[in-house]
Amino acid sequence: MYVVGANNYLPLQKLNHGTTMTLGSIIRGFKIGVTKQIGKSVFQRNYYEHIIRNLKEHDKIIGYILHNPANWISDSMFIE
């Protein structure tokens, strides 16, 4: 299996235990390692994955990240 690189096709590397090094497998491994180290899961079940395609989209996402905490108090799920 191959993955598209910047200028060519690169072989998709496999880890010793047969899993591919996809974004999902890297994040899953990180979550498993942290959960084992602290003894409980502190992560949400899923995550939102999105490819940023232009500067306008990037700026919109950065604005959301910077301003979203100010909206938490008005969220119906917020617990102080």
PDB file of N, CA and C in Angstrom:
ATOM      1  N   MET A   1       0.849  -1.169   0.000  1.00  0.00           N
ATOM      2  CA  MET A   1       0.000   0.000   0.000  1.00  0.00           C
ATOM      3  C   MET A   1       0.897   1.235   0.000  1.00  0.00           C
ATOM      4  N   TYR A   2       0.453   2.304  -0.650  1.00  0.00           N
ATOM      5  CA  TYR A   2       1.249   3.514  -0.750  1.00  0.00           C
ATOM      6  C   TYR A   2       0.445   4.728  -0.306  1.00  0.00           C
ATOM      7  N   VAL A   3       1.148   5.738   0.184  1.00  0.00           N
ATOM      8  CA  VAL A   3       0.554   7.002   0.563  1.00  0.00           C
ATOM      9  C   VAL A   3       1.207   8.090  -0.293  1.00  0.00           C
ATOM     10  N   VAL A   4       0.417   9.075  -0.685  1.00  0.00           N
ATOM     11  CA  VAL A   4       0.936  10.141  -1.544  1.00  0.00           C
ATOM     12  C   VAL A   4       1.789  11.089  -0.738  1.00  0.00           C
ATOM     13  N   GLY A   5       3.036  11.290  -1.158  1.00  0.00           N
ATOM     14  CA  GLY A   5       3.923  12.257  -0.522  1.00  0.00           C
ATOM     15  C   GLY A   5       3.825  13.584  -1.245  1.00  0.00           C
ATOM     16  N   ALA A   6       4.638  14.529  -0.885  1.00  0.00           N
ATOM     17  CA  ALA A   6       4.610  15.861  -1.492  1.00  0.00           C
ATOM     18  C   ALA A   6       4.892  15.795  -2.989  1.00  0.00           C
ATOM     19  N   ASN A   7       5.903  15.041  -3.381  1.00  0.00           N
ATOM     20  CA  ASN A   7       6.293  14.988  -4.795  1.00  0.00           C
ATOM     21  C   ASN A   7       6.252  13.586  -5.386  1.00  0.00           C
ATOM     22  N   ASN A   8       5.943  12.587  -4.577  1.00  0.00           N
ATOM     23  CA  ASN A   8       5.972  11.217  -5.078  1.00  0.00           C
ATOM     24  C   ASN A   8       5.134  10.313  -4.186  1.00  0.00           C
ATOM     25  N   TYR A   9       5.103   9.038  -4.510  1.00  0.00           N
ATOM     26  CA  TYR A   9       4.402   8.057  -3.693  1.00  0.00           C
ATOM     27  C   TYR A   9       5.397   7.396  -2.755  1.00  0.00           C
ATOM     28  N   LEU A  10       5.045   7.348  -1.491  1.00  0.00           N
ATOM     29  CA  LEU A  10       5.929   6.758  -0.487  1.00  0.00           C
ATOM     30  C   LEU A  10       5.293   5.486   0.040  1.00  0.00           C
ATOM     31  N   PRO A  11       6.070   4.428   0.284  1.00  0.00           N
ATOM     32  CA  PRO A  11       5.479   3.218   0.851  1.00  0.00           C
ATOM     33  C   PRO A  11       4.963   3.498   2.258  1.00  0.00           C
ATOM     34  N   LEU A  12       3.788   2.989   2.565  1.00  0.00           N
ATOM     35  CA  LEU A  12       3.197   3.170   3.886  1.00  0.00           C
ATOM     36  C   LEU A  12       3.920   2.245   4.855  1.00  0.00           C
ATOM     37  N   GLN A  13       4.589   2.818   5.831  1.00  0.00           N
ATOM     38  CA  GLN A  13       5.369   2.043   6.788  1.00  0.00           C
ATOM     39  C   GLN A  13       4.454   1.292   7.737  1.00  0.00           C
ATOM     40  N   LYS A  14       4.881   0.112   8.136  1.00  0.00           N
ATOM     41  CA  LYS A  14       4.128  -0.668   9.112  1.00  0.00           C
ATOM     42  C   LYS A  14       4.962  -0.817  10.379  1.00  0.00           C
ATOM     43  N   LEU A  15       4.270  -0.787  11.511  1.00  0.00           N
ATOM     44  CA  LEU A  15       4.945  -1.004  12.784  1.00  0.00           C
ATOM     45  C   LEU A  15       5.166  -2.495  12.973  1.00  0.00           C
ATOM     46  N   ASN A  16       5.958  -2.864  13.965  1.00  0.00           N
ATOM     47  CA  ASN A  16       6.277  -4.277  14.202  1.00  0.00           C
ATOM     48  C   ASN A  16       5.045  -5.135  14.418  1.00  0.00           C
ATOM     49  N   HIS A  17       3.992  -4.586  15.027  1.00  0.00           N
ATOM     50  CA  HIS A  17       2.809  -5.388  15.314  1.00  0.00           C
ATOM     51  C   HIS A  17       1.757  -5.278  14.210  1.00  0.00           C
ATOM     52  N   GLY A  18       2.142  -4.808  13.012  1.00  0.00           N
ATOM     53  CA  GLY A  18       1.278  -4.878  11.853  1.00  0.00           C
ATOM     54  C   GLY A  18       0.312  -3.728  11.639  1.00  0.00           C
ATOM     55  N   THR A  19       0.340  -2.696  12.459  1.00  0.00           N
ATOM     56  CA  THR A  19      -0.568  -1.575  12.245  1.00  0.00           C
ATOM     57  C   THR A  19       0.121  -0.503  11.425  1.00  0.00           C
ATOM     58  N   THR A  20      -0.664   0.243  10.663  1.00  0.00           N
ATOM     59  CA  THR A  20      -0.095   1.310   9.852  1.00  0.00           C
ATOM     60  C   THR A  20       0.045   2.578  10.684  1.00  0.00           C
ATOM     61  N   MET A  21       0.937   3.456  10.265  1.00  0.00           N
ATOM     62  CA  MET A  21       1.162   4.702  10.984  1.00  0.00           C
ATOM     63  C   MET A  21       0.246   5.796  10.430  1.00  0.00           C
ATOM     64  N   THR A  22      -1.056   5.633  10.642  1.00  0.00           N
ATOM     65  CA  THR A  22      -2.022   6.638  10.229  1.00  0.00           C
ATOM     66  C   THR A  22      -2.206   7.623  11.368  1.00  0.00           C
ATOM     67  N   LEU A  23      -2.825   8.754  11.089  1.00  0.00           N
ATOM     68  CA  LEU A  23      -3.114   9.721  12.142  1.00  0.00           C
ATOM     69  C   LEU A  23      -3.949   9.082  13.241  1.00  0.00           C
ATOM     70  N   GLY A  24      -4.940   8.303  12.848  1.00  0.00           N
ATOM     71  CA  GLY A  24      -5.801   7.633  13.829  1.00  0.00           C
ATOM     72  C   GLY A  24      -5.032   6.684  14.734  1.00  0.00           C
ATOM     73  N   SER A  25      -4.101   5.912  14.168  1.00  0.00           N
ATOM     74  CA  SER A  25      -3.347   4.957  14.995  1.00  0.00           C
ATOM     75  C   SER A  25      -2.381   5.682  15.927  1.00  0.00           C
ATOM     76  N   ILE A  26      -1.820   6.797  15.473  1.00  0.00           N
ATOM     77  CA  ILE A  26      -0.920   7.582  16.326  1.00  0.00           C
ATOM     78  C   ILE A  26      -1.693   8.183  17.498  1.00  0.00           C
ATOM     79  N   ILE A  27      -2.846   8.762  17.232  1.00  0.00           N
ATOM     80  CA  ILE A  27      -3.666   9.356  18.293  1.00  0.00           C
ATOM     81  C   ILE A  27      -4.156   8.273  19.251  1.00  0.00           C
ATOM     82  N   ARG A  28      -4.579   7.131  18.712  1.00  0.00           N
ATOM     83  CA  ARG A  28      -5.035   6.023  19.553  1.00  0.00           C
ATOM     84  C   ARG A  28      -3.915   5.570  20.488  1.00  0.00           C
ATOM     85  N   GLY A  29      -2.698   5.427  19.944  1.00  0.00           N
ATOM     86  CA  GLY A  29      -1.561   5.015  20.770  1.00  0.00           C
ATOM     87  C   GLY A  29      -1.252   6.019  21.860  1.00  0.00           C
ATOM     88  N   PHE A  30      -1.325   7.308  21.532  1.00  0.00           N
ATOM     89  CA  PHE A  30      -1.098   8.357  22.526  1.00  0.00           C
ATOM     90  C   PHE A  30      -2.129   8.267  23.643  1.00  0.00           C
ATOM     91  N   LYS A  31      -3.411   8.129  23.266  1.00  0.00           N
ATOM     92  CA  LYS A  31      -4.478   8.042  24.270  1.00  0.00           C
ATOM     93  C   LYS A  31      -4.309   6.815  25.157  1.00  0.00           C
ATOM     94  N   ILE A  32      -3.945   5.686  24.573  1.00  0.00           N
ATOM     95  CA  ILE A  32      -3.734   4.464  25.353  1.00  0.00           C
ATOM     96  C   ILE A  32      -2.584   4.655  26.336  1.00  0.00           C
ATOM     97  N   GLY A  33      -1.473   5.238  25.859  1.00  0.00           N
ATOM     98  CA  GLY A  33      -0.323   5.459  26.735  1.00  0.00           C
ATOM     99  C   GLY A  33      -0.642   6.373  27.902  1.00  0.00           C
ATOM    100  N   VAL A  34      -1.324   7.479  27.639  1.00  0.00           N
ATOM    101  CA  VAL A  34      -1.681   8.425  28.706  1.00  0.00           C
ATOM    102  C   VAL A  34      -2.654   7.776  29.685  1.00  0.00           C
ATOM    103  N   THR A  35      -3.657   7.070  29.158  1.00  0.00           N
ATOM    104  CA  THR A  35      -4.659   6.418  30.013  1.00  0.00           C
ATOM    105  C   THR A  35      -3.997   5.404  30.941  1.00  0.00           C
ATOM    106  N   LYS A  36      -3.064   4.609  30.417  1.00  0.00           N
ATOM    107  CA  LYS A  36      -2.359   3.629  31.245  1.00  0.00           C
ATOM    108  C   LYS A  36      -1.515   4.319  32.310  1.00  0.00           C
ATOM    109  N   GLN A  37      -0.895   5.437  31.939  1.00  0.00           N
ATOM    110  CA  GLN A  37      -0.003   6.116  32.878  1.00  0.00           C
ATOM    111  C   GLN A  37      -0.771   6.761  34.035  1.00  0.00           C
ATOM    112  N   ILE A  38      -1.946   7.352  33.757  1.00  0.00           N
ATOM    113  CA  ILE A  38      -2.678   8.027  34.844  1.00  0.00           C
ATOM    114  C   ILE A  38      -3.780   7.168  35.452  1.00  0.00           C
ATOM    115  N   GLY A  39      -4.068   6.020  34.835  1.00  0.00           N
ATOM    116  CA  GLY A  39      -5.011   5.082  35.423  1.00  0.00           C
ATOM    117  C   GLY A  39      -6.472   5.314  35.080  1.00  0.00           C
ATOM    118  N   LYS A  40      -6.785   6.298  34.254  1.00  0.00           N
ATOM    119  CA  LYS A  40      -8.172   6.516  33.824  1.00  0.00           C
ATOM    120  C   LYS A  40      -8.164   7.314  32.525  1.00  0.00           C
ATOM    121  N   SER A  41      -9.260   7.184  31.774  1.00  0.00           N
ATOM    122  CA  SER A  41      -9.350   7.895  30.501  1.00  0.00           C
ATOM    123  C   SER A  41      -9.835   9.322  30.733  1.00  0.00           C
ATOM    124  N   VAL A  42      -9.165  10.269  30.104  1.00  0.00           N
ATOM    125  CA  VAL A  42      -9.556  11.675  30.216  1.00  0.00           C
ATOM    126  C   VAL A  42      -9.863  12.257  28.837  1.00  0.00           C
ATOM    127  N   PHE A  43     -10.031  11.378  27.859  1.00  0.00           N
ATOM    128  CA  PHE A  43     -10.241  11.824  26.489  1.00  0.00           C
ATOM    129  C   PHE A  43     -11.687  11.615  26.053  1.00  0.00           C
ATOM    130  N   GLN A  44     -12.160  12.480  25.148  1.00  0.00           N
ATOM    131  CA  GLN A  44     -13.472  12.272  24.559  1.00  0.00           C
ATOM    132  C   GLN A  44     -13.393  11.061  23.636  1.00  0.00           C
ATOM    133  N   ARG A  45     -14.523  10.467  23.352  1.00  0.00           N
ATOM    134  CA  ARG A  45     -14.569   9.220  22.588  1.00  0.00           C
ATOM    135  C   ARG A  45     -14.015   9.385  21.173  1.00  0.00           C
ATOM    136  N   ASN A  46     -14.383  10.413  20.480  1.00  0.00           N
ATOM    137  CA  ASN A  46     -13.938  10.639  19.100  1.00  0.00           C
ATOM    138  C   ASN A  46     -13.319  12.021  18.971  1.00  0.00           C
ATOM    139  N   TYR A  47     -12.728  12.290  17.845  1.00  0.00           N
ATOM    140  CA  TYR A  47     -12.168  13.607  17.570  1.00  0.00           C
ATOM    141  C   TYR A  47     -12.577  14.008  16.164  1.00  0.00           C
ATOM    142  N   TYR A  48     -12.520  15.288  15.891  1.00  0.00           N
ATOM    143  CA  TYR A  48     -12.879  15.813  14.580  1.00  0.00           C
ATOM    144  C   TYR A  48     -11.618  16.029  13.772  1.00  0.00           C
ATOM    145  N   GLU A  49     -11.548  15.390  12.648  1.00  0.00           N
ATOM    146  CA  GLU A  49     -10.369  15.473  11.791  1.00  0.00           C
ATOM    147  C   GLU A  49     -10.736  16.284  10.550  1.00  0.00           C
ATOM    148  N   HIS A  50      -9.920  17.260  10.213  1.00  0.00           N
ATOM    149  CA  HIS A  50     -10.234  18.129   9.082  1.00  0.00           C
ATOM    150  C   HIS A  50      -8.943  18.623   8.433  1.00  0.00           C
ATOM    151  N   ILE A  51      -8.903  18.630   7.112  1.00  0.00           N
ATOM    152  CA  ILE A  51      -7.757  19.155   6.378  1.00  0.00           C
ATOM    153  C   ILE A  51      -8.013  20.633   6.096  1.00  0.00           C
ATOM    154  N   ILE A  52      -7.114  21.483   6.545  1.00  0.00           N
ATOM    155  CA  ILE A  52      -7.232  22.926   6.305  1.00  0.00           C
ATOM    156  C   ILE A  52      -6.704  23.198   4.909  1.00  0.00           C
ATOM    157  N   ARG A  53      -7.559  23.757   4.040  1.00  0.00           N
ATOM    158  CA  ARG A  53      -7.216  23.881   2.627  1.00  0.00           C
ATOM    159  C   ARG A  53      -6.793  25.281   2.191  1.00  0.00           C
ATOM    160  N   ASN A  54      -7.053  26.308   3.005  1.00  0.00           N
ATOM    161  CA  ASN A  54      -6.656  27.653   2.595  1.00  0.00           C
ATOM    162  C   ASN A  54      -6.539  28.560   3.819  1.00  0.00           C
ATOM    163  N   LEU A  55      -6.022  29.764   3.618  1.00  0.00           N
ATOM    164  CA  LEU A  55      -5.781  30.698   4.712  1.00  0.00           C
ATOM    165  C   LEU A  55      -7.077  31.155   5.381  1.00  0.00           C
ATOM    166  N   LYS A  56      -8.139  31.368   4.596  1.00  0.00           N
ATOM    167  CA  LYS A  56      -9.429  31.788   5.153  1.00  0.00           C
ATOM    168  C   LYS A  56      -9.965  30.734   6.135  1.00  0.00           C
ATOM    169  N   GLU A  57      -9.881  29.475   5.737  1.00  0.00           N
ATOM    170  CA  GLU A  57     -10.321  28.378   6.594  1.00  0.00           C
ATOM    171  C   GLU A  57      -9.452  28.292   7.850  1.00  0.00           C
ATOM    172  N   HIS A  58      -8.149  28.475   7.696  1.00  0.00           N
ATOM    173  CA  HIS A  58      -7.219  28.459   8.826  1.00  0.00           C
ATOM    174  C   HIS A  58      -7.569  29.558   9.827  1.00  0.00           C
ATOM    175  N   ASP A  59      -7.800  30.765   9.320  1.00  0.00           N
ATOM    176  CA  ASP A  59      -8.131  31.890  10.197  1.00  0.00           C
ATOM    177  C   ASP A  59      -9.443  31.661  10.946  1.00  0.00           C
ATOM    178  N   LYS A  60     -10.422  31.057  10.285  1.00  0.00           N
ATOM    179  CA  LYS A  60     -11.705  30.755  10.923  1.00  0.00           C
ATOM    180  C   LYS A  60     -11.518  29.761  12.080  1.00  0.00           C
ATOM    181  N   ILE A  61     -10.693  28.741  11.854  1.00  0.00           N
ATOM    182  CA  ILE A  61     -10.430  27.739  12.887  1.00  0.00           C
ATOM    183  C   ILE A  61      -9.665  28.354  14.056  1.00  0.00           C
ATOM    184  N   ILE A  62      -8.673  29.173  13.767  1.00  0.00           N
ATOM    185  CA  ILE A  62      -7.916  29.839  14.834  1.00  0.00           C
ATOM    186  C   ILE A  62      -8.845  30.740  15.659  1.00  0.00           C
ATOM    187  N   GLY A  63      -9.731  31.465  14.994  1.00  0.00           N
ATOM    188  CA  GLY A  63     -10.704  32.304  15.703  1.00  0.00           C
ATOM    189  C   GLY A  63     -11.589  31.485  16.625  1.00  0.00           C
ATOM    190  N   TYR A  64     -12.025  30.332  16.155  1.00  0.00           N
ATOM    191  CA  TYR A  64     -12.849  29.443  16.983  1.00  0.00           C
ATOM    192  C   TYR A  64     -12.077  28.978  18.220  1.00  0.00           C
ATOM    193  N   ILE A  65     -10.845  28.555  18.010  1.00  0.00           N
ATOM    194  CA  ILE A  65     -10.023  28.071  19.127  1.00  0.00           C
ATOM    195  C   ILE A  65      -9.799  29.176  20.161  1.00  0.00           C
ATOM    196  N   LEU A  66      -9.524  30.383  19.704  1.00  0.00           N
ATOM    197  CA  LEU A  66      -9.240  31.492  20.617  1.00  0.00           C
ATOM    198  C   LEU A  66     -10.475  31.990  21.361  1.00  0.00           C
ATOM    199  N   HIS A  67     -11.628  32.008  20.690  1.00  0.00           N
ATOM    200  CA  HIS A  67     -12.819  32.617  21.282  1.00  0.00           C
ATOM    201  C   HIS A  67     -13.800  31.629  21.904  1.00  0.00           C
ATOM    202  N   ASN A  68     -13.659  30.348  21.614  1.00  0.00           N
ATOM    203  CA  ASN A  68     -14.605  29.367  22.122  1.00  0.00           C
ATOM    204  C   ASN A  68     -14.671  29.284  23.655  1.00  0.00           C
ATOM    205  N   PRO A  69     -13.553  29.365  24.387  1.00  0.00           N
ATOM    206  CA  PRO A  69     -13.657  29.286  25.849  1.00  0.00           C
ATOM    207  C   PRO A  69     -14.592  30.348  26.451  1.00  0.00           C
ATOM    208  N   ALA A  70     -14.711  31.505  25.833  1.00  0.00           N
ATOM    209  CA  ALA A  70     -15.611  32.543  26.337  1.00  0.00           C
ATOM    210  C   ALA A  70     -17.076  32.118  26.234  1.00  0.00           C
ATOM    211  N   ASN A  71     -17.372  31.143  25.374  1.00  0.00           N
ATOM    212  CA  ASN A  71     -18.751  30.671  25.192  1.00  0.00           C
ATOM    213  C   ASN A  71     -19.118  29.527  26.127  1.00  0.00           C
ATOM    214  N   TRP A  72     -18.161  28.962  26.840  1.00  0.00           N
ATOM    215  CA  TRP A  72     -18.428  27.792  27.676  1.00  0.00           C
ATOM    216  C   TRP A  72     -19.479  28.061  28.735  1.00  0.00           C
ATOM    217  N   ILE A  73     -19.447  29.220  29.360  1.00  0.00           N
ATOM    218  CA  ILE A  73     -20.374  29.527  30.449  1.00  0.00           C
ATOM    219  C   ILE A  73     -21.826  29.459  29.997  1.00  0.00           C
ATOM    220  N   SER A  74     -22.081  29.754  28.724  1.00  0.00           N
ATOM    221  CA  SER A  74     -23.454  29.733  28.207  1.00  0.00           C
ATOM    222  C   SER A  74     -23.849  28.362  27.652  1.00  0.00           C
ATOM    223  N   ASP A  75     -22.920  27.395  27.655  1.00  0.00           N
ATOM    224  CA  ASP A  75     -23.206  26.065  27.149  1.00  0.00           C
ATOM    225  C   ASP A  75     -24.054  25.294  28.154  1.00  0.00           C
ATOM    226  N   SER A  76     -25.085  24.588  27.661  1.00  0.00           N
ATOM    227  CA  SER A  76     -25.984  23.842  28.549  1.00  0.00           C
ATOM    228  C   SER A  76     -25.279  22.694  29.263  1.00  0.00           C
ATOM    229  N   MET A  77     -24.132  22.232  28.752  1.00  0.00           N
ATOM    230  CA  MET A  77     -23.388  21.137  29.377  1.00  0.00           C
ATOM    231  C   MET A  77     -22.324  21.626  30.357  1.00  0.00           C
ATOM    232  N   PHE A  78     -22.155  22.944  30.475  1.00  0.00           N
ATOM    233  CA  PHE A  78     -21.117  23.511  31.337  1.00  0.00           C
ATOM    234  C   PHE A  78     -21.432  23.287  32.807  1.00  0.00           C
ATOM    235  N   ILE A  79     -20.467  22.761  33.536  1.00  0.00           N
ATOM    236  CA  ILE A  79     -20.588  22.569  34.987  1.00  0.00           C
ATOM    237  C   ILE A  79     -19.417  23.281  35.629  1.00  0.00           C
ATOM    238  N   GLU A  80     -19.699  24.185  36.529  1.00  0.00           N
ATOM    239  CA  GLU A  80     -18.635  24.939  37.181  1.00  0.00           C
ATOM    240  C   GLU A  80     -18.035  24.197  38.336  1.00  0.00           C
TER     241      GLU A  80
END
